[in-house]
Amino acid sequence: MAAGLKDDANACALQAQLIATDVFLRLNGWRLVVDPDEAHEFLIGLLET
């Protein structure tokens, strides 16, 4: 698999996991409260590694 396609697949998998986690927590009465700038840096850092 080409590196770009593998990176895209990893990014999609990560996004799906984060969405699933958010939905699970919301269904159980919890909400994630994060600083938007820190969250952005964290997510971009995951995608760049």
Protein backbone atom coordinates (compact mmCIF):
# COMPACT_ATOMS: atom_id res chain seq x y z
CA MET A 1 0.00 0.00 0.00
CA ALA A 2 1.31 3.44 -0.84
CA ALA A 3 2.40 5.56 2.12
CA GLY A 4 -0.21 8.24 1.41
CA LEU A 5 -3.04 5.71 1.34
CA LYS A 6 -1.83 4.10 4.55
CA ASP A 7 -1.69 7.53 6.25
CA ASP A 8 -5.21 8.31 5.02
CA ALA A 9 -6.46 4.96 6.35
CA ASN A 10 -4.82 5.59 9.73
CA ALA A 11 -6.33 9.09 9.88
CA CYS A 12 -9.79 7.70 9.10
CA ALA A 13 -9.42 4.98 11.72
CA LEU A 14 -8.31 7.52 14.33
CA GLN A 15 -11.21 9.82 13.49
CA ALA A 16 -13.68 6.93 13.75
CA GLN A 17 -12.27 5.93 17.16
CA LEU A 18 -12.53 9.49 18.48
CA ILE A 19 -16.10 9.86 17.23
CA ALA A 20 -17.09 6.49 18.71
CA THR A 21 -15.54 7.46 22.06
CA ASP A 22 -17.34 10.81 22.07
CA VAL A 23 -20.70 9.19 21.25
CA PHE A 24 -20.22 6.49 23.91
CA LEU A 25 -19.42 9.06 26.58
CA ARG A 26 -22.35 11.30 25.61
CA LEU A 27 -24.77 8.36 25.70
CA ASN A 28 -23.59 7.66 29.25
CA GLY A 29 -24.01 11.25 30.42
CA TRP A 30 -20.41 12.43 30.05
CA ARG A 31 -18.96 15.18 27.87
CA LEU A 32 -15.38 15.81 26.88
CA VAL A 33 -14.27 19.32 27.76
CA VAL A 34 -11.03 20.25 26.05
CA ASP A 35 -9.09 23.33 25.07
CA PRO A 36 -9.54 23.58 21.28
CA ASP A 37 -5.95 24.63 20.61
CA GLU A 38 -4.47 21.81 22.69
CA ALA A 39 -6.84 19.28 21.12
CA HIS A 40 -5.85 20.46 17.64
CA GLU A 41 -2.14 20.18 18.43
CA PHE A 42 -2.66 16.70 19.90
CA LEU A 43 -4.61 15.41 16.91
CA ILE A 44 -2.26 16.90 14.34
CA GLY A 45 0.68 15.43 16.26
CA LEU A 46 -0.91 11.98 16.04
CA LEU A 47 -1.41 12.32 12.31
CA GLU A 48 2.17 13.50 11.70
CA THR A 49 3.81 10.54 13.47
